[in-house]
N, C-alpha and C. Protein backbone atom coordinates (compact mmCIF):
# COMPACT_ATOMS: atom_id res chain seq x y z
N MET A 1 78.41 -79.72 -4.30
CA MET A 1 79.71 -79.29 -4.79
C MET A 1 79.70 -79.41 -6.31
N ALA A 2 80.37 -78.46 -6.98
CA ALA A 2 80.39 -78.46 -8.45
C ALA A 2 81.84 -78.36 -8.92
N ASN A 3 82.18 -79.16 -9.90
CA ASN A 3 83.52 -79.15 -10.48
C ASN A 3 83.62 -78.00 -11.47
N LEU A 4 84.43 -76.99 -11.15
CA LEU A 4 84.60 -75.83 -12.02
C LEU A 4 85.85 -75.92 -12.89
N GLU A 5 86.61 -76.98 -12.75
CA GLU A 5 87.85 -77.11 -13.51
C GLU A 5 87.65 -76.99 -15.02
N PRO A 6 86.57 -77.56 -15.59
CA PRO A 6 86.38 -77.43 -17.05
C PRO A 6 86.23 -75.97 -17.51
N LEU A 7 85.79 -75.08 -16.62
CA LEU A 7 85.66 -73.68 -16.98
C LEU A 7 87.01 -73.00 -17.16
N GLY A 8 88.01 -73.52 -16.48
CA GLY A 8 89.32 -72.87 -16.54
C GLY A 8 89.26 -71.48 -15.93
N PHE A 9 88.40 -71.30 -14.91
CA PHE A 9 88.18 -69.99 -14.32
C PHE A 9 89.35 -69.56 -13.44
N ASN A 10 89.86 -68.34 -13.72
CA ASN A 10 90.88 -67.74 -12.86
C ASN A 10 90.39 -66.33 -12.55
N PRO A 11 90.08 -66.02 -11.27
CA PRO A 11 89.56 -64.70 -10.93
C PRO A 11 90.43 -63.55 -11.41
N ALA A 12 91.73 -63.78 -11.52
CA ALA A 12 92.64 -62.71 -11.96
C ALA A 12 92.38 -62.32 -13.42
N ASP A 13 91.72 -63.20 -14.17
CA ASP A 13 91.46 -62.94 -15.59
C ASP A 13 90.11 -62.24 -15.83
N VAL A 14 89.36 -61.95 -14.77
CA VAL A 14 88.02 -61.40 -14.92
C VAL A 14 87.98 -59.98 -14.35
N ALA A 15 87.42 -59.04 -15.13
CA ALA A 15 87.28 -57.66 -14.68
C ALA A 15 86.20 -57.58 -13.62
N ASP A 16 86.45 -56.80 -12.57
CA ASP A 16 85.47 -56.59 -11.51
C ASP A 16 84.44 -55.59 -12.00
N MET A 17 83.19 -56.00 -12.04
CA MET A 17 82.11 -55.12 -12.50
C MET A 17 81.26 -54.66 -11.32
N GLY A 18 81.80 -54.73 -10.11
CA GLY A 18 81.04 -54.33 -8.93
C GLY A 18 79.93 -55.32 -8.69
N ASP A 19 78.85 -54.84 -8.11
CA ASP A 19 77.71 -55.71 -7.81
C ASP A 19 76.81 -55.91 -9.00
N GLY A 20 77.15 -55.28 -10.13
CA GLY A 20 76.38 -55.48 -11.35
C GLY A 20 75.25 -54.49 -11.49
N PHE A 21 74.08 -54.82 -11.01
CA PHE A 21 72.87 -54.03 -11.24
C PHE A 21 72.92 -52.71 -10.48
N LYS A 22 72.66 -51.61 -11.19
CA LYS A 22 72.65 -50.28 -10.59
C LYS A 22 71.43 -49.53 -11.11
N VAL A 23 70.74 -48.87 -10.21
CA VAL A 23 69.59 -48.06 -10.59
C VAL A 23 70.06 -46.61 -10.68
N VAL A 24 69.83 -45.96 -11.82
CA VAL A 24 70.21 -44.55 -11.98
C VAL A 24 69.06 -43.68 -11.48
N PRO A 25 69.37 -42.47 -10.99
CA PRO A 25 68.31 -41.57 -10.51
C PRO A 25 67.37 -41.17 -11.65
N PRO A 26 66.13 -40.81 -11.32
CA PRO A 26 65.21 -40.36 -12.35
C PRO A 26 65.77 -39.12 -13.05
N GLY A 27 65.50 -39.01 -14.34
CA GLY A 27 65.94 -37.85 -15.09
C GLY A 27 65.97 -38.14 -16.57
N THR A 28 66.42 -37.17 -17.34
CA THR A 28 66.58 -37.32 -18.78
C THR A 28 68.07 -37.44 -19.06
N TYR A 29 68.45 -38.47 -19.80
CA TYR A 29 69.85 -38.76 -20.06
C TYR A 29 70.11 -38.86 -21.55
N ASN A 30 71.25 -38.33 -21.98
CA ASN A 30 71.73 -38.58 -23.34
C ASN A 30 72.44 -39.93 -23.32
N VAL A 31 72.11 -40.76 -24.30
CA VAL A 31 72.60 -42.13 -24.33
C VAL A 31 72.94 -42.56 -25.75
N VAL A 32 73.62 -43.68 -25.85
CA VAL A 32 73.76 -44.41 -27.10
C VAL A 32 73.42 -45.87 -26.81
N ILE A 33 72.91 -46.55 -27.80
CA ILE A 33 72.64 -47.98 -27.67
C ILE A 33 73.95 -48.70 -27.93
N VAL A 34 74.35 -49.54 -26.97
CA VAL A 34 75.63 -50.25 -27.09
C VAL A 34 75.44 -51.75 -27.30
N GLU A 35 74.26 -52.27 -26.98
CA GLU A 35 73.97 -53.69 -27.19
C GLU A 35 72.50 -53.85 -27.52
N SER A 36 72.19 -54.88 -28.30
CA SER A 36 70.79 -55.18 -28.59
C SER A 36 70.66 -56.66 -28.89
N ASP A 37 69.48 -57.19 -28.58
CA ASP A 37 69.23 -58.60 -28.81
C ASP A 37 67.72 -58.82 -28.86
N VAL A 38 67.28 -59.76 -29.67
CA VAL A 38 65.88 -60.15 -29.68
C VAL A 38 65.78 -61.42 -28.84
N GLN A 39 64.89 -61.39 -27.85
CA GLN A 39 64.72 -62.53 -26.95
C GLN A 39 63.27 -62.99 -26.97
N ALA A 40 63.08 -64.28 -26.76
CA ALA A 40 61.73 -64.84 -26.69
C ALA A 40 61.12 -64.48 -25.34
N THR A 41 59.81 -64.23 -25.34
CA THR A 41 59.10 -64.00 -24.09
C THR A 41 58.52 -65.32 -23.60
N ALA A 42 58.06 -65.33 -22.37
CA ALA A 42 57.49 -66.55 -21.79
C ALA A 42 56.25 -67.03 -22.53
N LYS A 43 55.53 -66.11 -23.19
CA LYS A 43 54.28 -66.47 -23.88
C LYS A 43 54.46 -66.60 -25.39
N GLY A 44 55.69 -66.78 -25.85
CA GLY A 44 55.92 -67.02 -27.27
C GLY A 44 56.12 -65.79 -28.12
N GLY A 45 56.15 -64.62 -27.52
CA GLY A 45 56.39 -63.39 -28.28
C GLY A 45 57.89 -63.12 -28.40
N LYS A 46 58.20 -61.92 -28.84
CA LYS A 46 59.60 -61.52 -28.95
C LYS A 46 59.75 -60.10 -28.41
N MET A 47 60.84 -59.88 -27.69
CA MET A 47 61.13 -58.53 -27.23
C MET A 47 62.52 -58.14 -27.68
N LEU A 48 62.64 -56.86 -28.03
CA LEU A 48 63.93 -56.29 -28.39
C LEU A 48 64.50 -55.70 -27.11
N VAL A 49 65.64 -56.23 -26.67
CA VAL A 49 66.30 -55.77 -25.45
C VAL A 49 67.44 -54.86 -25.86
N LEU A 50 67.37 -53.61 -25.39
CA LEU A 50 68.37 -52.60 -25.73
C LEU A 50 69.12 -52.18 -24.48
N LYS A 51 70.42 -52.05 -24.60
CA LYS A 51 71.23 -51.55 -23.50
C LYS A 51 71.75 -50.18 -23.89
N TYR A 52 71.31 -49.16 -23.12
CA TYR A 52 71.74 -47.78 -23.34
C TYR A 52 72.91 -47.48 -22.41
N GLN A 53 73.89 -46.73 -22.92
CA GLN A 53 74.97 -46.23 -22.07
C GLN A 53 74.86 -44.71 -22.03
N ILE A 54 74.90 -44.16 -20.80
CA ILE A 54 74.80 -42.72 -20.61
C ILE A 54 76.12 -42.08 -21.04
N ILE A 55 76.02 -41.00 -21.85
CA ILE A 55 77.22 -40.43 -22.48
C ILE A 55 77.66 -39.09 -21.90
N ASP A 56 76.90 -38.54 -20.96
CA ASP A 56 77.36 -37.30 -20.32
C ASP A 56 76.70 -37.15 -18.95
N GLY A 57 77.09 -36.14 -18.22
CA GLY A 57 76.50 -35.89 -16.90
C GLY A 57 77.13 -36.75 -15.82
N GLN A 58 76.54 -36.69 -14.64
CA GLN A 58 77.10 -37.39 -13.48
C GLN A 58 77.01 -38.90 -13.59
N GLN A 59 76.13 -39.41 -14.39
CA GLN A 59 75.96 -40.87 -14.52
C GLN A 59 76.69 -41.43 -15.74
N VAL A 60 77.59 -40.66 -16.34
CA VAL A 60 78.28 -41.09 -17.55
C VAL A 60 78.87 -42.49 -17.37
N GLY A 61 78.65 -43.33 -18.37
CA GLY A 61 79.16 -44.70 -18.33
C GLY A 61 78.17 -45.70 -17.77
N ASP A 62 77.19 -45.25 -16.98
CA ASP A 62 76.18 -46.16 -16.44
C ASP A 62 75.28 -46.65 -17.57
N THR A 63 74.64 -47.78 -17.35
CA THR A 63 73.78 -48.35 -18.38
C THR A 63 72.36 -48.54 -17.85
N VAL A 64 71.41 -48.53 -18.80
CA VAL A 64 70.00 -48.75 -18.52
C VAL A 64 69.48 -49.70 -19.60
N VAL A 65 68.66 -50.65 -19.20
CA VAL A 65 68.12 -51.63 -20.14
C VAL A 65 66.67 -51.30 -20.46
N ASP A 66 66.31 -51.48 -21.72
CA ASP A 66 64.96 -51.22 -22.22
C ASP A 66 64.48 -52.49 -22.90
N ARG A 67 63.22 -52.85 -22.69
CA ARG A 67 62.64 -54.04 -23.32
C ARG A 67 61.39 -53.63 -24.08
N LEU A 68 61.41 -53.86 -25.39
CA LEU A 68 60.29 -53.48 -26.26
C LEU A 68 59.60 -54.72 -26.79
N ASN A 69 58.29 -54.81 -26.59
CA ASN A 69 57.51 -55.93 -27.14
C ASN A 69 57.33 -55.70 -28.63
N ILE A 70 58.05 -56.46 -29.44
CA ILE A 70 57.94 -56.27 -30.88
C ILE A 70 57.05 -57.33 -31.54
N VAL A 71 56.86 -58.46 -30.87
CA VAL A 71 55.90 -59.48 -31.29
C VAL A 71 55.21 -59.94 -30.02
N ASN A 72 53.87 -59.76 -29.96
CA ASN A 72 53.16 -60.09 -28.74
C ASN A 72 51.74 -60.51 -29.10
N SER A 73 51.19 -61.44 -28.34
CA SER A 73 49.82 -61.89 -28.60
C SER A 73 48.81 -60.79 -28.30
N SER A 74 49.20 -59.82 -27.48
CA SER A 74 48.35 -58.66 -27.22
C SER A 74 48.65 -57.59 -28.27
N ASP A 75 47.66 -57.27 -29.09
CA ASP A 75 47.86 -56.24 -30.12
C ASP A 75 48.30 -54.92 -29.49
N THR A 76 47.72 -54.58 -28.33
CA THR A 76 48.06 -53.32 -27.67
C THR A 76 49.53 -53.31 -27.24
N ALA A 77 49.98 -54.38 -26.60
CA ALA A 77 51.38 -54.45 -26.17
C ALA A 77 52.32 -54.36 -27.36
N GLN A 78 51.98 -55.04 -28.45
CA GLN A 78 52.83 -55.00 -29.64
C GLN A 78 52.84 -53.61 -30.26
N LYS A 79 51.67 -52.96 -30.34
CA LYS A 79 51.62 -51.60 -30.89
C LYS A 79 52.46 -50.63 -30.06
N ILE A 80 52.40 -50.77 -28.73
CA ILE A 80 53.20 -49.92 -27.85
C ILE A 80 54.69 -50.15 -28.11
N GLY A 81 55.10 -51.41 -28.16
CA GLY A 81 56.51 -51.74 -28.40
C GLY A 81 57.02 -51.22 -29.73
N LEU A 82 56.21 -51.39 -30.79
CA LEU A 82 56.63 -50.91 -32.11
C LEU A 82 56.65 -49.38 -32.16
N SER A 83 55.73 -48.74 -31.42
CA SER A 83 55.73 -47.28 -31.35
C SER A 83 56.99 -46.78 -30.63
N GLN A 84 57.40 -47.49 -29.58
CA GLN A 84 58.63 -47.13 -28.86
C GLN A 84 59.85 -47.29 -29.78
N LEU A 85 59.85 -48.33 -30.58
CA LEU A 85 60.95 -48.52 -31.54
C LEU A 85 60.94 -47.41 -32.58
N LYS A 86 59.77 -47.00 -33.02
CA LYS A 86 59.66 -45.88 -33.96
C LYS A 86 60.22 -44.61 -33.33
N ASN A 87 59.90 -44.37 -32.04
CA ASN A 87 60.42 -43.19 -31.35
C ASN A 87 61.95 -43.18 -31.34
N ILE A 88 62.56 -44.34 -31.16
CA ILE A 88 64.02 -44.44 -31.18
C ILE A 88 64.53 -44.10 -32.57
N CYS A 89 63.91 -44.69 -33.60
CA CYS A 89 64.33 -44.41 -34.99
C CYS A 89 64.20 -42.92 -35.30
N ASP A 90 63.09 -42.32 -34.89
CA ASP A 90 62.89 -40.89 -35.12
C ASP A 90 63.95 -40.08 -34.39
N ALA A 91 64.26 -40.46 -33.15
CA ALA A 91 65.22 -39.72 -32.33
C ALA A 91 66.63 -39.72 -32.91
N ILE A 92 67.00 -40.82 -33.57
CA ILE A 92 68.36 -40.90 -34.13
C ILE A 92 68.39 -40.55 -35.62
N GLY A 93 67.23 -40.30 -36.20
CA GLY A 93 67.18 -39.91 -37.61
C GLY A 93 67.21 -41.09 -38.57
N HIS A 94 66.85 -42.28 -38.11
CA HIS A 94 66.83 -43.45 -39.01
C HIS A 94 65.56 -43.40 -39.86
N VAL A 95 65.74 -43.51 -41.17
CA VAL A 95 64.60 -43.58 -42.09
C VAL A 95 64.69 -44.87 -42.89
N GLY A 96 63.57 -45.35 -43.35
CA GLY A 96 63.55 -46.59 -44.13
C GLY A 96 63.44 -47.80 -43.22
N GLN A 97 63.50 -48.97 -43.86
CA GLN A 97 63.34 -50.23 -43.13
C GLN A 97 64.50 -50.44 -42.18
N LEU A 98 64.20 -50.89 -40.98
CA LEU A 98 65.21 -51.25 -40.00
C LEU A 98 65.47 -52.74 -40.16
N LYS A 99 66.63 -53.08 -40.72
CA LYS A 99 66.93 -54.48 -41.02
C LYS A 99 67.65 -55.20 -39.90
N ASP A 100 68.37 -54.45 -39.07
CA ASP A 100 69.15 -55.04 -37.99
C ASP A 100 69.23 -54.04 -36.86
N SER A 101 69.08 -54.51 -35.63
CA SER A 101 69.13 -53.59 -34.49
C SER A 101 70.49 -52.92 -34.35
N ALA A 102 71.51 -53.47 -34.96
CA ALA A 102 72.84 -52.84 -34.93
C ALA A 102 72.82 -51.47 -35.61
N GLN A 103 71.83 -51.23 -36.47
CA GLN A 103 71.69 -49.92 -37.11
C GLN A 103 71.38 -48.83 -36.10
N LEU A 104 70.93 -49.20 -34.92
CA LEU A 104 70.60 -48.25 -33.86
C LEU A 104 71.80 -47.91 -32.98
N HIS A 105 72.82 -48.74 -33.03
CA HIS A 105 73.95 -48.61 -32.12
C HIS A 105 74.77 -47.35 -32.36
N GLY A 106 75.25 -46.75 -31.26
CA GLY A 106 76.22 -45.65 -31.33
C GLY A 106 75.66 -44.31 -31.75
N LYS A 107 74.35 -44.21 -31.91
CA LYS A 107 73.74 -42.95 -32.36
C LYS A 107 73.06 -42.28 -31.16
N PRO A 108 73.45 -41.05 -30.82
CA PRO A 108 72.92 -40.41 -29.61
C PRO A 108 71.43 -40.14 -29.67
N LEU A 109 70.77 -40.33 -28.54
CA LEU A 109 69.39 -39.98 -28.31
C LEU A 109 69.23 -39.70 -26.83
N ALA A 110 68.06 -39.30 -26.41
CA ALA A 110 67.80 -39.06 -25.00
C ALA A 110 66.68 -39.98 -24.53
N ILE A 111 66.76 -40.37 -23.27
CA ILE A 111 65.71 -41.18 -22.66
C ILE A 111 65.31 -40.54 -21.33
N LYS A 112 64.02 -40.60 -21.05
CA LYS A 112 63.52 -40.15 -19.75
C LYS A 112 63.35 -41.39 -18.90
N VAL A 113 64.06 -41.40 -17.76
CA VAL A 113 64.11 -42.56 -16.89
C VAL A 113 63.37 -42.27 -15.58
N VAL A 114 62.58 -43.23 -15.12
CA VAL A 114 61.96 -43.16 -13.80
C VAL A 114 62.41 -44.38 -13.00
N VAL A 115 62.17 -44.33 -11.70
CA VAL A 115 62.51 -45.46 -10.83
C VAL A 115 61.20 -46.08 -10.37
N GLU A 116 61.09 -47.38 -10.57
CA GLU A 116 59.91 -48.13 -10.12
C GLU A 116 60.30 -49.00 -8.94
N LYS A 117 59.40 -49.10 -7.97
CA LYS A 117 59.62 -49.99 -6.82
C LYS A 117 58.73 -51.21 -6.98
N PHE A 118 59.26 -52.37 -6.57
CA PHE A 118 58.49 -53.60 -6.65
C PHE A 118 58.95 -54.54 -5.55
N GLU A 119 58.10 -55.49 -5.22
CA GLU A 119 58.44 -56.44 -4.16
C GLU A 119 59.27 -57.58 -4.73
N SER A 120 60.32 -57.95 -4.01
CA SER A 120 61.19 -59.05 -4.41
C SER A 120 60.40 -60.34 -4.51
N ASN A 121 60.69 -61.13 -5.53
CA ASN A 121 60.03 -62.43 -5.64
C ASN A 121 60.81 -63.50 -4.86
N LYS A 122 61.94 -63.12 -4.24
CA LYS A 122 62.74 -64.05 -3.47
C LYS A 122 62.64 -63.81 -1.97
N GLU A 123 62.39 -62.55 -1.57
CA GLU A 123 62.29 -62.20 -0.16
C GLU A 123 61.01 -61.42 0.06
N ALA A 124 59.99 -62.08 0.60
CA ALA A 124 58.70 -61.43 0.82
C ALA A 124 58.88 -60.17 1.65
N GLY A 125 58.22 -59.09 1.23
CA GLY A 125 58.28 -57.84 1.95
C GLY A 125 59.46 -56.96 1.62
N LYS A 126 60.46 -57.49 0.90
CA LYS A 126 61.62 -56.68 0.55
C LYS A 126 61.32 -55.91 -0.73
N MET A 127 61.44 -54.59 -0.65
CA MET A 127 61.18 -53.74 -1.81
C MET A 127 62.47 -53.49 -2.58
N LEU A 128 62.39 -53.61 -3.88
CA LEU A 128 63.52 -53.39 -4.77
C LEU A 128 63.18 -52.25 -5.72
N GLU A 129 64.19 -51.75 -6.43
CA GLU A 129 63.98 -50.69 -7.40
C GLU A 129 64.56 -51.10 -8.75
N SER A 130 63.96 -50.56 -9.80
CA SER A 130 64.51 -50.75 -11.14
C SER A 130 64.18 -49.51 -11.97
N ASN A 131 64.90 -49.35 -13.05
CA ASN A 131 64.64 -48.23 -13.95
C ASN A 131 63.63 -48.62 -15.00
N LYS A 132 62.85 -47.65 -15.42
CA LYS A 132 61.91 -47.82 -16.53
C LYS A 132 62.09 -46.63 -17.46
N ILE A 133 62.11 -46.89 -18.75
CA ILE A 133 62.21 -45.82 -19.74
C ILE A 133 60.80 -45.34 -20.03
N GLU A 134 60.53 -44.05 -19.78
CA GLU A 134 59.21 -43.48 -20.04
C GLU A 134 59.11 -42.84 -21.41
N LYS A 135 60.24 -42.36 -21.92
CA LYS A 135 60.19 -41.63 -23.18
C LYS A 135 61.53 -41.77 -23.90
N ARG A 136 61.48 -41.82 -25.23
CA ARG A 136 62.67 -41.87 -26.09
C ARG A 136 62.56 -40.68 -27.03
N MET A 137 63.62 -39.85 -27.12
CA MET A 137 63.52 -38.60 -27.87
C MET A 137 64.89 -38.20 -28.41
N PRO A 138 64.96 -37.16 -29.26
CA PRO A 138 66.26 -36.72 -29.76
C PRO A 138 67.19 -36.28 -28.63
N LYS A 139 68.48 -36.38 -28.88
CA LYS A 139 69.49 -35.98 -27.91
C LYS A 139 69.23 -34.57 -27.41
N GLN A 140 69.41 -34.35 -26.12
CA GLN A 140 69.21 -33.06 -25.48
C GLN A 140 70.52 -32.28 -25.44
N ALA A 141 70.45 -30.98 -25.19
CA ALA A 141 71.65 -30.14 -25.11
C ALA A 141 72.58 -30.65 -24.01
N ALA A 142 72.04 -31.08 -22.89
CA ALA A 142 72.83 -31.63 -21.79
C ALA A 142 71.91 -32.50 -20.96
N SER A 143 72.48 -33.51 -20.33
CA SER A 143 71.67 -34.34 -19.44
C SER A 143 71.16 -33.49 -18.30
N VAL A 144 69.93 -33.74 -17.88
CA VAL A 144 69.33 -32.91 -16.85
C VAL A 144 68.94 -33.71 -15.61
N ALA A 145 69.64 -34.81 -15.35
CA ALA A 145 69.36 -35.58 -14.14
C ALA A 145 69.84 -34.78 -12.94
N PRO A 146 69.10 -34.84 -11.84
CA PRO A 146 69.51 -34.08 -10.67
C PRO A 146 70.75 -34.69 -10.04
N PRO A 147 71.55 -33.87 -9.35
CA PRO A 147 72.72 -34.42 -8.66
C PRO A 147 72.23 -35.27 -7.50
N PRO A 148 73.04 -36.26 -7.08
CA PRO A 148 72.63 -37.08 -5.94
C PRO A 148 72.57 -36.21 -4.69
N PRO A 149 71.68 -36.54 -3.72
CA PRO A 149 71.60 -35.74 -2.51
C PRO A 149 72.87 -35.87 -1.68
N ALA A 150 73.19 -34.81 -0.94
CA ALA A 150 74.33 -34.85 -0.04
C ALA A 150 74.03 -35.85 1.07
N ALA A 151 75.08 -36.38 1.69
CA ALA A 151 74.92 -37.35 2.77
C ALA A 151 73.98 -36.80 3.83
N GLY A 152 72.99 -37.60 4.20
CA GLY A 152 72.04 -37.19 5.23
C GLY A 152 70.90 -36.32 4.74
N GLN A 153 70.88 -35.95 3.45
CA GLN A 153 69.84 -35.10 2.90
C GLN A 153 68.83 -35.97 2.16
N PRO A 154 67.54 -35.67 2.24
CA PRO A 154 66.56 -36.45 1.47
C PRO A 154 66.67 -36.14 -0.01
N ALA A 155 66.35 -37.11 -0.82
CA ALA A 155 66.39 -36.90 -2.28
C ALA A 155 65.29 -35.93 -2.68
N ALA A 156 65.57 -35.10 -3.66
CA ALA A 156 64.59 -34.14 -4.15
C ALA A 156 63.51 -34.86 -4.93
N LYS A 157 62.28 -34.40 -4.83
CA LYS A 157 61.19 -34.98 -5.60
C LYS A 157 61.17 -34.30 -6.96
N MET A 158 60.95 -35.10 -7.98
CA MET A 158 60.90 -34.57 -9.35
C MET A 158 59.46 -34.26 -9.72
N ALA A 159 59.24 -33.13 -10.32
CA ALA A 159 57.93 -32.77 -10.83
C ALA A 159 57.95 -32.94 -12.34
N TRP A 160 57.19 -33.88 -12.84
CA TRP A 160 57.21 -34.13 -14.29
C TRP A 160 56.07 -33.39 -14.83
């Protein structure tokens, strides 16, 4: 049992965010960065965590998280992460030194999203899904994610 009284928690004061984690269908989405943070990795590196919000199409308002290795003991991982950050800067037209990740916020760009499946680390044999950003590019004319399948219909396969 835990004493929650010090929290002063009242459920009526908290917005319902549903179940929280949502996987968006594969596709290319126009987004803006709405949150960013630098976090330590388990091996002493640093990753830039970006939260993208979809700004048009059927998934408008949904969010996708991106993690870029900006300091890593693996030169290859760090080069990939810094290249991904460069792609974001190029996509939004940022030139010069990037002094704060807030400089990336609110500027439209496009991301290509895929869905990855992985086994749960809590329930053996249970497969879970998550989104992965494959590409960061300038904003597109319109989001091109496919519509969700009708009830009882299989999802369409994407040809990349």
